[in-house]
Every structure is written in structure tokens, then in C-alpha cells.
């Protein structure tokens, strides 16, 4: 992966998270934020999550709230997503 952006996570006291290398935020609510990066999908789970800053141009995501888990999943293509959703 030649054009990968550096990907870093900085978690402070489980209440403030800054992530670089973010390509997009696919979904979010107060319990979960799903973001994509060059290394796959990053699921941020917790309580009262709030996106403080999102800059797709600078590939930065800043989150506040009570962060309980950071989970990586492999990249999901549209065809494999359809298979997961519809059992194909």
C-alpha cells in the first residue's frame, strides 16, 4: 500500500480520542462510530460519543465521550457487504 497515510491513535483517559489517517466516517451514534482508514474499518464503541472534529481533507477524527473499545475489521468491499447482509 504505497499511498497510505500515517495512521495514529491517541487516547487520553478513555474520554478523548484523536485518530489520524481517517478516510471517512461511515456511521455514528452515541454508542458507536464506524470510520474507514487504509488499514480497514475502525469501530469506536462507548457511551455518549461525540465527534468533536472531522476533517476528511486532513484525515483527522477527534472524538469525546466514554470510550470502551477500539476494534479493527478488514476492509469490506461492496460485494462482500452484500454477502454479509443478504447471506450470499
PDB file of N, CA and C in Angstrom:
ATOM      1  N   UNK A   1       0.846  -1.183   0.000  1.00  0.00           N
ATOM      2  CA  UNK A   1       0.000   0.000   0.000  1.00  0.00           C
ATOM      3  C   UNK A   1       0.884   1.237   0.000  1.00  0.00           C
ATOM      4  N   UNK A   2       1.148   1.736  -1.168  1.00  0.00           N
ATOM      5  CA  UNK A   2       2.094   2.842  -1.304  1.00  0.00           C
ATOM      6  C   UNK A   2       1.550   4.170  -0.825  1.00  0.00           C
ATOM      7  N   UNK A   3       0.277   4.462  -1.067  1.00  0.00           N
ATOM      8  CA  UNK A   3      -0.266   5.778  -0.772  1.00  0.00           C
ATOM      9  C   UNK A   3      -0.949   5.850   0.585  1.00  0.00           C
ATOM     10  N   UNK A   4      -0.583   4.992   1.498  1.00  0.00           N
ATOM     11  CA  UNK A   4      -1.172   5.019   2.825  1.00  0.00           C
ATOM     12  C   UNK A   4      -0.743   6.270   3.571  1.00  0.00           C
ATOM     13  N   UNK A   5      -1.679   6.843   4.285  1.00  0.00           N
ATOM     14  CA  UNK A   5      -1.403   7.949   5.174  1.00  0.00           C
ATOM     15  C   UNK A   5      -1.040   7.357   6.525  1.00  0.00           C
ATOM     16  N   UNK A   6      -0.153   8.000   7.255  1.00  0.00           N
ATOM     17  CA  UNK A   6       0.188   7.513   8.583  1.00  0.00           C
ATOM     18  C   UNK A   6      -1.077   7.465   9.432  1.00  0.00           C
ATOM     19  N   UNK A   7      -1.225   6.385  10.168  1.00  0.00           N
ATOM     20  CA  UNK A   7      -2.416   6.161  10.992  1.00  0.00           C
ATOM     21  C   UNK A   7      -1.992   6.097  12.452  1.00  0.00           C
ATOM     22  N   UNK A   8      -2.486   7.041  13.249  1.00  0.00           N
ATOM     23  CA  UNK A   8      -2.159   7.057  14.676  1.00  0.00           C
ATOM     24  C   UNK A   8      -3.427   7.203  15.500  1.00  0.00           C
ATOM     25  N   UNK A   9      -3.355   6.693  16.729  1.00  0.00           N
ATOM     26  CA  UNK A   9      -4.444   6.846  17.692  1.00  0.00           C
ATOM     27  C   UNK A   9      -3.859   7.421  18.973  1.00  0.00           C
ATOM     28  N   UNK A  10      -4.516   8.439  19.514  1.00  0.00           N
ATOM     29  CA  UNK A  10      -4.113   8.993  20.797  1.00  0.00           C
ATOM     30  C   UNK A  10      -5.352   8.997  21.684  1.00  0.00           C
ATOM     31  N   UNK A  11      -5.317   8.175  22.736  1.00  0.00           N
ATOM     32  CA  UNK A  11      -6.436   8.065  23.658  1.00  0.00           C
ATOM     33  C   UNK A  11      -6.003   8.637  25.005  1.00  0.00           C
ATOM     34  N   UNK A  12      -6.775   9.595  25.506  1.00  0.00           N
ATOM     35  CA  UNK A  12      -6.449  10.236  26.778  1.00  0.00           C
ATOM     36  C   UNK A  12      -7.571   9.972  27.780  1.00  0.00           C
ATOM     37  N   UNK A  13      -7.247   9.240  28.842  1.00  0.00           N
ATOM     38  CA  UNK A  13      -8.180   8.970  29.939  1.00  0.00           C
ATOM     39  C   UNK A  13      -9.500   8.339  29.481  1.00  0.00           C
ATOM     40  N   UNK A  14      -9.471   7.616  28.389  1.00  0.00           N
ATOM     41  CA  UNK A  14     -10.654   6.970  27.818  1.00  0.00           C
ATOM     42  C   UNK A  14     -11.788   7.948  27.531  1.00  0.00           C
ATOM     43  N   UNK A  15     -11.490   9.253  27.484  1.00  0.00           N
ATOM     44  CA  UNK A  15     -12.550  10.233  27.250  1.00  0.00           C
ATOM     45  C   UNK A  15     -12.287  11.120  26.041  1.00  0.00           C
ATOM     46  N   UNK A  16     -11.088  11.057  25.496  1.00  0.00           N
ATOM     47  CA  UNK A  16     -10.740  11.888  24.351  1.00  0.00           C
ATOM     48  C   UNK A  16      -9.856  11.071  23.406  1.00  0.00           C
ATOM     49  N   UNK A  17     -10.287  10.950  22.164  1.00  0.00           N
ATOM     50  CA  UNK A  17      -9.574  10.158  21.167  1.00  0.00           C
ATOM     51  C   UNK A  17      -9.309  11.006  19.940  1.00  0.00           C
ATOM     52  N   UNK A  18      -8.072  10.985  19.478  1.00  0.00           N
ATOM     53  CA  UNK A  18      -7.710  11.628  18.217  1.00  0.00           C
ATOM     54  C   UNK A  18      -7.126  10.557  17.310  1.00  0.00           C
ATOM     55  N   UNK A  19      -7.642  10.478  16.093  1.00  0.00           N
ATOM     56  CA  UNK A  19      -7.205   9.465  15.135  1.00  0.00           C
ATOM     57  C   UNK A  19      -6.809  10.170  13.844  1.00  0.00           C
ATOM     58  N   UNK A  20      -5.643   9.822  13.308  1.00  0.00           N
ATOM     59  CA  UNK A  20      -5.236  10.340  12.006  1.00  0.00           C
ATOM     60  C   UNK A  20      -5.282   9.202  10.990  1.00  0.00           C
ATOM     61  N   UNK A  21      -5.312   9.561   9.724  1.00  0.00           N
ATOM     62  CA  UNK A  21      -5.361   8.557   8.663  1.00  0.00           C
ATOM     63  C   UNK A  21      -6.768   8.083   8.368  1.00  0.00           C
ATOM     64  N   UNK A  22      -7.776   8.875   8.736  1.00  0.00           N
ATOM     65  CA  UNK A  22      -9.179   8.506   8.525  1.00  0.00           C
ATOM     66  C   UNK A  22      -9.625   8.980   7.144  1.00  0.00           C
ATOM     67  N   UNK A  23     -10.207   8.053   6.379  1.00  0.00           N
ATOM     68  CA  UNK A  23     -10.706   8.387   5.038  1.00  0.00           C
ATOM     69  C   UNK A  23     -12.156   8.859   5.048  1.00  0.00           C
ATOM     70  N   UNK A  24     -12.955   8.327   5.982  1.00  0.00           N
ATOM     71  CA  UNK A  24     -14.378   8.645   6.006  1.00  0.00           C
ATOM     72  C   UNK A  24     -14.987   8.124   7.298  1.00  0.00           C
ATOM     73  N   UNK A  25     -16.101   8.699   7.702  1.00  0.00           N
ATOM     74  CA  UNK A  25     -16.916   8.146   8.778  1.00  0.00           C
ATOM     75  C   UNK A  25     -18.173   7.616   8.120  1.00  0.00           C
ATOM     76  N   UNK A  26     -18.385   6.325   8.236  1.00  0.00           N
ATOM     77  CA  UNK A  26     -19.489   5.669   7.545  1.00  0.00           C
ATOM     78  C   UNK A  26     -20.790   5.732   8.332  1.00  0.00           C
ATOM     79  N   UNK A  27     -20.707   5.702   9.664  1.00  0.00           N
ATOM     80  CA  UNK A  27     -21.902   5.757  10.502  1.00  0.00           C
ATOM     81  C   UNK A  27     -21.486   6.186  11.901  1.00  0.00           C
ATOM     82  N   UNK A  28     -22.436   6.795  12.618  1.00  0.00           N
ATOM     83  CA  UNK A  28     -22.135   7.165  14.001  1.00  0.00           C
ATOM     84  C   UNK A  28     -23.426   7.382  14.778  1.00  0.00           C
ATOM     85  N   UNK A  29     -23.332   7.108  16.069  1.00  0.00           N
ATOM     86  CA  UNK A  29     -24.360   7.466  17.030  1.00  0.00           C
ATOM     87  C   UNK A  29     -23.663   7.601  18.380  1.00  0.00           C
ATOM     88  N   UNK A  30     -24.406   7.712  19.458  1.00  0.00           N
ATOM     89  CA  UNK A  30     -23.777   7.934  20.763  1.00  0.00           C
ATOM     90  C   UNK A  30     -23.061   6.707  21.310  1.00  0.00           C
ATOM     91  N   UNK A  31     -23.312   5.525  20.728  1.00  0.00           N
ATOM     92  CA  UNK A  31     -22.680   4.299  21.208  1.00  0.00           C
ATOM     93  C   UNK A  31     -21.576   3.764  20.291  1.00  0.00           C
ATOM     94  N   UNK A  32     -21.554   4.200  19.024  1.00  0.00           N
ATOM     95  CA  UNK A  32     -20.576   3.636  18.085  1.00  0.00           C
ATOM     96  C   UNK A  32     -20.292   4.593  16.939  1.00  0.00           C
ATOM     97  N   UNK A  33     -19.021   4.641  16.562  1.00  0.00           N
ATOM     98  CA  UNK A  33     -18.599   5.392  15.384  1.00  0.00           C
ATOM     99  C   UNK A  33     -17.852   4.406  14.491  1.00  0.00           C
ATOM    100  N   UNK A  34     -18.233   4.342  13.221  1.00  0.00           N
ATOM    101  CA  UNK A  34     -17.567   3.460  12.268  1.00  0.00           C
ATOM    102  C   UNK A  34     -16.830   4.337  11.260  1.00  0.00           C
ATOM    103  N   UNK A  35     -15.498   4.240  11.287  1.00  0.00           N
ATOM    104  CA  UNK A  35     -14.656   5.054  10.411  1.00  0.00           C
ATOM    105  C   UNK A  35     -13.817   4.131   9.528  1.00  0.00           C
ATOM    106  N   UNK A  36     -13.480   4.597   8.343  1.00  0.00           N
ATOM    107  CA  UNK A  36     -12.623   3.796   7.468  1.00  0.00           C
ATOM    108  C   UNK A  36     -11.259   4.460   7.330  1.00  0.00           C
ATOM    109  N   UNK A  37     -10.237   3.609   7.259  1.00  0.00           N
ATOM    110  CA  UNK A  37      -8.865   4.066   7.051  1.00  0.00           C
ATOM    111  C   UNK A  37      -8.202   3.086   6.087  1.00  0.00           C
ATOM    112  N   UNK A  38      -6.951   3.335   5.741  1.00  0.00           N
ATOM    113  CA  UNK A  38      -6.249   2.469   4.795  1.00  0.00           C
ATOM    114  C   UNK A  38      -6.047   1.057   5.331  1.00  0.00           C
ATOM    115  N   UNK A  39      -6.217   0.868   6.640  1.00  0.00           N
ATOM    116  CA  UNK A  39      -5.987  -0.434   7.256  1.00  0.00           C
ATOM    117  C   UNK A  39      -7.273  -1.192   7.517  1.00  0.00           C
ATOM    118  N   UNK A  40      -8.384  -0.673   7.073  1.00  0.00           N
ATOM    119  CA  UNK A  40      -9.673  -1.322   7.258  1.00  0.00           C
ATOM    120  C   UNK A  40     -10.658  -0.398   7.936  1.00  0.00           C
ATOM    121  N   UNK A  41     -11.601  -1.013   8.621  1.00  0.00           N
ATOM    122  CA  UNK A  41     -12.657  -0.286   9.298  1.00  0.00           C
ATOM    123  C   UNK A  41     -12.330  -0.212  10.789  1.00  0.00           C
ATOM    124  N   UNK A  42     -12.485   0.961  11.376  1.00  0.00           N
ATOM    125  CA  UNK A  42     -12.247   1.157  12.798  1.00  0.00           C
ATOM    126  C   UNK A  42     -13.584   1.421  13.473  1.00  0.00           C
ATOM    127  N   UNK A  43     -13.957   0.536  14.409  1.00  0.00           N
ATOM    128  CA  UNK A  43     -15.172   0.726  15.192  1.00  0.00           C
ATOM    129  C   UNK A  43     -14.771   1.279  16.553  1.00  0.00           C
ATOM    130  N   UNK A  44     -15.338   2.419  16.895  1.00  0.00           N
ATOM    131  CA  UNK A  44     -15.102   3.049  18.187  1.00  0.00           C
ATOM    132  C   UNK A  44     -16.398   2.881  18.973  1.00  0.00           C
ATOM    133  N   UNK A  45     -16.322   2.194  20.101  1.00  0.00           N
ATOM    134  CA  UNK A  45     -17.527   1.931  20.888  1.00  0.00           C
ATOM    135  C   UNK A  45     -17.419   2.614  22.243  1.00  0.00           C
ATOM    136  N   UNK A  46     -18.570   3.009  22.770  1.00  0.00           N
ATOM    137  CA  UNK A  46     -18.582   3.658  24.066  1.00  0.00           C
ATOM    138  C   UNK A  46     -19.941   4.223  24.401  1.00  0.00           C
ATOM    139  N   UNK A  47     -19.941   5.244  25.240  1.00  0.00           N
ATOM    140  CA  UNK A  47     -21.163   5.910  25.678  1.00  0.00           C
ATOM    141  C   UNK A  47     -21.028   7.411  25.460  1.00  0.00           C
ATOM    142  N   UNK A  48     -22.121   8.023  25.059  1.00  0.00           N
ATOM    143  CA  UNK A  48     -22.176   9.478  24.841  1.00  0.00           C
ATOM    144  C   UNK A  48     -21.042   9.946  23.932  1.00  0.00           C
ATOM    145  N   UNK A  49     -20.774   9.178  22.865  1.00  0.00           N
ATOM    146  CA  UNK A  49     -19.719   9.542  21.918  1.00  0.00           C
ATOM    147  C   UNK A  49     -20.152  10.753  21.107  1.00  0.00           C
ATOM    148  N   UNK A  50     -19.216  11.632  20.875  1.00  0.00           N
ATOM    149  CA  UNK A  50     -19.478  12.848  20.116  1.00  0.00           C
ATOM    150  C   UNK A  50     -18.281  13.131  19.220  1.00  0.00           C
ATOM    151  N   UNK A  51     -18.551  13.379  17.949  1.00  0.00           N
ATOM    152  CA  UNK A  51     -17.484  13.754  17.023  1.00  0.00           C
ATOM    153  C   UNK A  51     -17.202  15.241  17.216  1.00  0.00           C
ATOM    154  N   UNK A  52     -16.044  15.526  17.793  1.00  0.00           N
ATOM    155  CA  UNK A  52     -15.641  16.910  18.040  1.00  0.00           C
ATOM    156  C   UNK A  52     -15.093  17.564  16.777  1.00  0.00           C
ATOM    157  N   UNK A  53     -14.386  16.760  15.969  1.00  0.00           N
ATOM    158  CA  UNK A  53     -13.799  17.277  14.734  1.00  0.00           C
ATOM    159  C   UNK A  53     -13.680  16.153  13.732  1.00  0.00           C
ATOM    160  N   UNK A  54     -14.010  16.462  12.488  1.00  0.00           N
ATOM    161  CA  UNK A  54     -13.821  15.527  11.387  1.00  0.00           C
ATOM    162  C   UNK A  54     -13.349  16.323  10.183  1.00  0.00           C
ATOM    163  N   UNK A  55     -12.149  15.995   9.702  1.00  0.00           N
ATOM    164  CA  UNK A  55     -11.611  16.633   8.513  1.00  0.00           C
ATOM    165  C   UNK A  55     -11.136  15.543   7.562  1.00  0.00           C
ATOM    166  N   UNK A  56     -11.924  15.309   6.541  1.00  0.00           N
ATOM    167  CA  UNK A  56     -11.547  14.305   5.547  1.00  0.00           C
ATOM    168  C   UNK A  56     -10.308  14.777   4.784  1.00  0.00           C
ATOM    169  N   UNK A  57     -10.211  16.087   4.577  1.00  0.00           N
ATOM    170  CA  UNK A  57      -9.062  16.650   3.857  1.00  0.00           C
ATOM    171  C   UNK A  57      -7.749  16.374   4.583  1.00  0.00           C
ATOM    172  N   UNK A  58      -7.724  16.574   5.911  1.00  0.00           N
ATOM    173  CA  UNK A  58      -6.502  16.318   6.674  1.00  0.00           C
ATOM    174  C   UNK A  58      -6.517  14.926   7.326  1.00  0.00           C
ATOM    175  N   UNK A  59      -7.595  14.154   7.083  1.00  0.00           N
ATOM    176  CA  UNK A  59      -7.726  12.768   7.560  1.00  0.00           C
ATOM    177  C   UNK A  59      -7.663  12.671   9.083  1.00  0.00           C
ATOM    178  N   UNK A  60      -8.380  13.591   9.758  1.00  0.00           N
ATOM    179  CA  UNK A  60      -8.361  13.674  11.216  1.00  0.00           C
ATOM    180  C   UNK A  60      -9.759  13.469  11.781  1.00  0.00           C
ATOM    181  N   UNK A  61      -9.837  12.688  12.851  1.00  0.00           N
ATOM    182  CA  UNK A  61     -11.083  12.479  13.582  1.00  0.00           C
ATOM    183  C   UNK A  61     -10.799  12.675  15.061  1.00  0.00           C
ATOM    184  N   UNK A  62     -11.596  13.514  15.727  1.00  0.00           N
ATOM    185  CA  UNK A  62     -11.478  13.719  17.170  1.00  0.00           C
ATOM    186  C   UNK A  62     -12.819  13.376  17.804  1.00  0.00           C
ATOM    187  N   UNK A  63     -12.776  12.538  18.845  1.00  0.00           N
ATOM    188  CA  UNK A  63     -13.983  12.019  19.482  1.00  0.00           C
ATOM    189  C   UNK A  63     -13.890  12.265  20.988  1.00  0.00           C
ATOM    190  N   UNK A  64     -15.030  12.616  21.598  1.00  0.00           N
ATOM    191  CA  UNK A  64     -15.108  12.697  23.054  1.00  0.00           C
ATOM    192  C   UNK A  64     -16.222  11.782  23.529  1.00  0.00           C
ATOM    193  N   UNK A  65     -16.190  11.435  24.805  1.00  0.00           N
ATOM    194  CA  UNK A  65     -17.177  10.543  25.403  1.00  0.00           C
ATOM    195  C   UNK A  65     -16.460   9.469  26.202  1.00  0.00           C
ATOM    196  N   UNK A  66     -17.210   8.486  26.668  1.00  0.00           N
ATOM    197  CA  UNK A  66     -16.608   7.377  27.406  1.00  0.00           C
ATOM    198  C   UNK A  66     -16.297   6.259  26.412  1.00  0.00           C
ATOM    199  N   UNK A  67     -15.030   6.113  26.069  1.00  0.00           N
ATOM    200  CA  UNK A  67     -14.604   5.161  25.042  1.00  0.00           C
ATOM    201  C   UNK A  67     -14.301   3.815  25.702  1.00  0.00           C
ATOM    202  N   UNK A  68     -14.979   2.768  25.228  1.00  0.00           N
ATOM    203  CA  UNK A  68     -14.819   1.456  25.840  1.00  0.00           C
ATOM    204  C   UNK A  68     -14.105   0.457  24.940  1.00  0.00           C
ATOM    205  N   UNK A  69     -14.095   0.677  23.618  1.00  0.00           N
ATOM    206  CA  UNK A  69     -13.438  -0.291  22.730  1.00  0.00           C
ATOM    207  C   UNK A  69     -13.045   0.357  21.405  1.00  0.00           C
ATOM    208  N   UNK A  70     -11.901  -0.099  20.883  1.00  0.00           N
ATOM    209  CA  UNK A  70     -11.432   0.255  19.540  1.00  0.00           C
ATOM    210  C   UNK A  70     -11.222  -1.064  18.819  1.00  0.00           C
ATOM    211  N   UNK A  71     -11.968  -1.297  17.757  1.00  0.00           N
ATOM    212  CA  UNK A  71     -11.946  -2.589  17.070  1.00  0.00           C
ATOM    213  C   UNK A  71     -11.679  -2.368  15.590  1.00  0.00           C
ATOM    214  N   UNK A  72     -10.694  -3.099  15.062  1.00  0.00           N
ATOM    215  CA  UNK A  72     -10.405  -3.056  13.635  1.00  0.00           C
ATOM    216  C   UNK A  72     -11.044  -4.249  12.936  1.00  0.00           C
ATOM    217  N   UNK A  73     -11.614  -3.995  11.763  1.00  0.00           N
ATOM    218  CA  UNK A  73     -12.124  -5.043  10.882  1.00  0.00           C
ATOM    219  C   UNK A  73     -11.451  -4.864   9.532  1.00  0.00           C
ATOM    220  N   UNK A  74     -11.300  -5.959   8.812  1.00  0.00           N
ATOM    221  CA  UNK A  74     -10.708  -5.881   7.480  1.00  0.00           C
ATOM    222  C   UNK A  74     -11.575  -5.010   6.582  1.00  0.00           C
ATOM    223  N   UNK A  75     -10.972  -4.510   5.515  1.00  0.00           N
ATOM    224  CA  UNK A  75     -11.721  -3.714   4.551  1.00  0.00           C
ATOM    225  C   UNK A  75     -12.858  -4.545   3.990  1.00  0.00           C
ATOM    226  N   UNK A  76     -14.010  -3.914   3.817  1.00  0.00           N
ATOM    227  CA  UNK A  76     -15.189  -4.593   3.308  1.00  0.00           C
ATOM    228  C   UNK A  76     -15.522  -3.997   1.942  1.00  0.00           C
ATOM    229  N   UNK A  77     -15.547  -4.844   0.922  1.00  0.00           N
ATOM    230  CA  UNK A  77     -15.940  -4.370  -0.398  1.00  0.00           C
ATOM    231  C   UNK A  77     -17.457  -4.392  -0.491  1.00  0.00           C
ATOM    232  N   UNK A  78     -18.010  -3.685  -1.467  1.00  0.00           N
ATOM    233  CA  UNK A  78     -19.464  -3.641  -1.612  1.00  0.00           C
ATOM    234  C   UNK A  78     -20.042  -5.030  -1.839  1.00  0.00           C
ATOM    235  N   UNK A  79     -19.345  -5.866  -2.624  1.00  0.00           N
ATOM    236  CA  UNK A  79     -19.871  -7.207  -2.885  1.00  0.00           C
ATOM    237  C   UNK A  79     -19.839  -8.056  -1.620  1.00  0.00           C
ATOM    238  N   UNK A  80     -18.787  -7.945  -0.796  1.00  0.00           N
ATOM    239  CA  UNK A  80     -18.743  -8.741   0.432  1.00  0.00           C
ATOM    240  C   UNK A  80     -19.735  -8.183   1.465  1.00  0.00           C
ATOM    241  N   UNK A  81     -20.008  -6.875   1.430  1.00  0.00           N
ATOM    242  CA  UNK A  81     -21.008  -6.308   2.317  1.00  0.00           C
ATOM    243  C   UNK A  81     -22.376  -6.870   1.961  1.00  0.00           C
ATOM    244  N   UNK A  82     -22.681  -6.930   0.671  1.00  0.00           N
ATOM    245  CA  UNK A  82     -23.959  -7.501   0.243  1.00  0.00           C
ATOM    246  C   UNK A  82     -24.076  -8.952   0.670  1.00  0.00           C
ATOM    247  N   UNK A  83     -22.970  -9.701   0.582  1.00  0.00           N
ATOM    248  CA  UNK A  83     -22.986 -11.091   1.006  1.00  0.00           C
ATOM    249  C   UNK A  83     -23.268 -11.197   2.498  1.00  0.00           C
ATOM    250  N   UNK A  84     -22.654 -10.303   3.293  1.00  0.00           N
ATOM    251  CA  UNK A  84     -22.881 -10.337   4.734  1.00  0.00           C
ATOM    252  C   UNK A  84     -24.327  -9.982   5.070  1.00  0.00           C
ATOM    253  N   UNK A  85     -24.881  -8.998   4.359  1.00  0.00           N
ATOM    254  CA  UNK A  85     -26.234  -8.549   4.646  1.00  0.00           C
ATOM    255  C   UNK A  85     -27.295  -9.536   4.174  1.00  0.00           C
ATOM    256  N   UNK A  86     -27.080 -10.110   2.981  1.00  0.00           N
ATOM    257  CA  UNK A  86     -28.124 -10.930   2.365  1.00  0.00           C
ATOM    258  C   UNK A  86     -27.773 -12.403   2.315  1.00  0.00           C
ATOM    259  N   UNK A  87     -26.666 -12.797   2.954  1.00  0.00           N
ATOM    260  CA  UNK A  87     -26.326 -14.205   3.049  1.00  0.00           C
ATOM    261  C   UNK A  87     -25.896 -14.845   1.751  1.00  0.00           C
ATOM    262  N   UNK A  88     -25.380 -14.049   0.834  1.00  0.00           N
ATOM    263  CA  UNK A  88     -24.991 -14.573  -0.479  1.00  0.00           C
ATOM    264  C   UNK A  88     -23.649 -15.243  -0.486  1.00  0.00           C
TER     265      UNK A  88
END
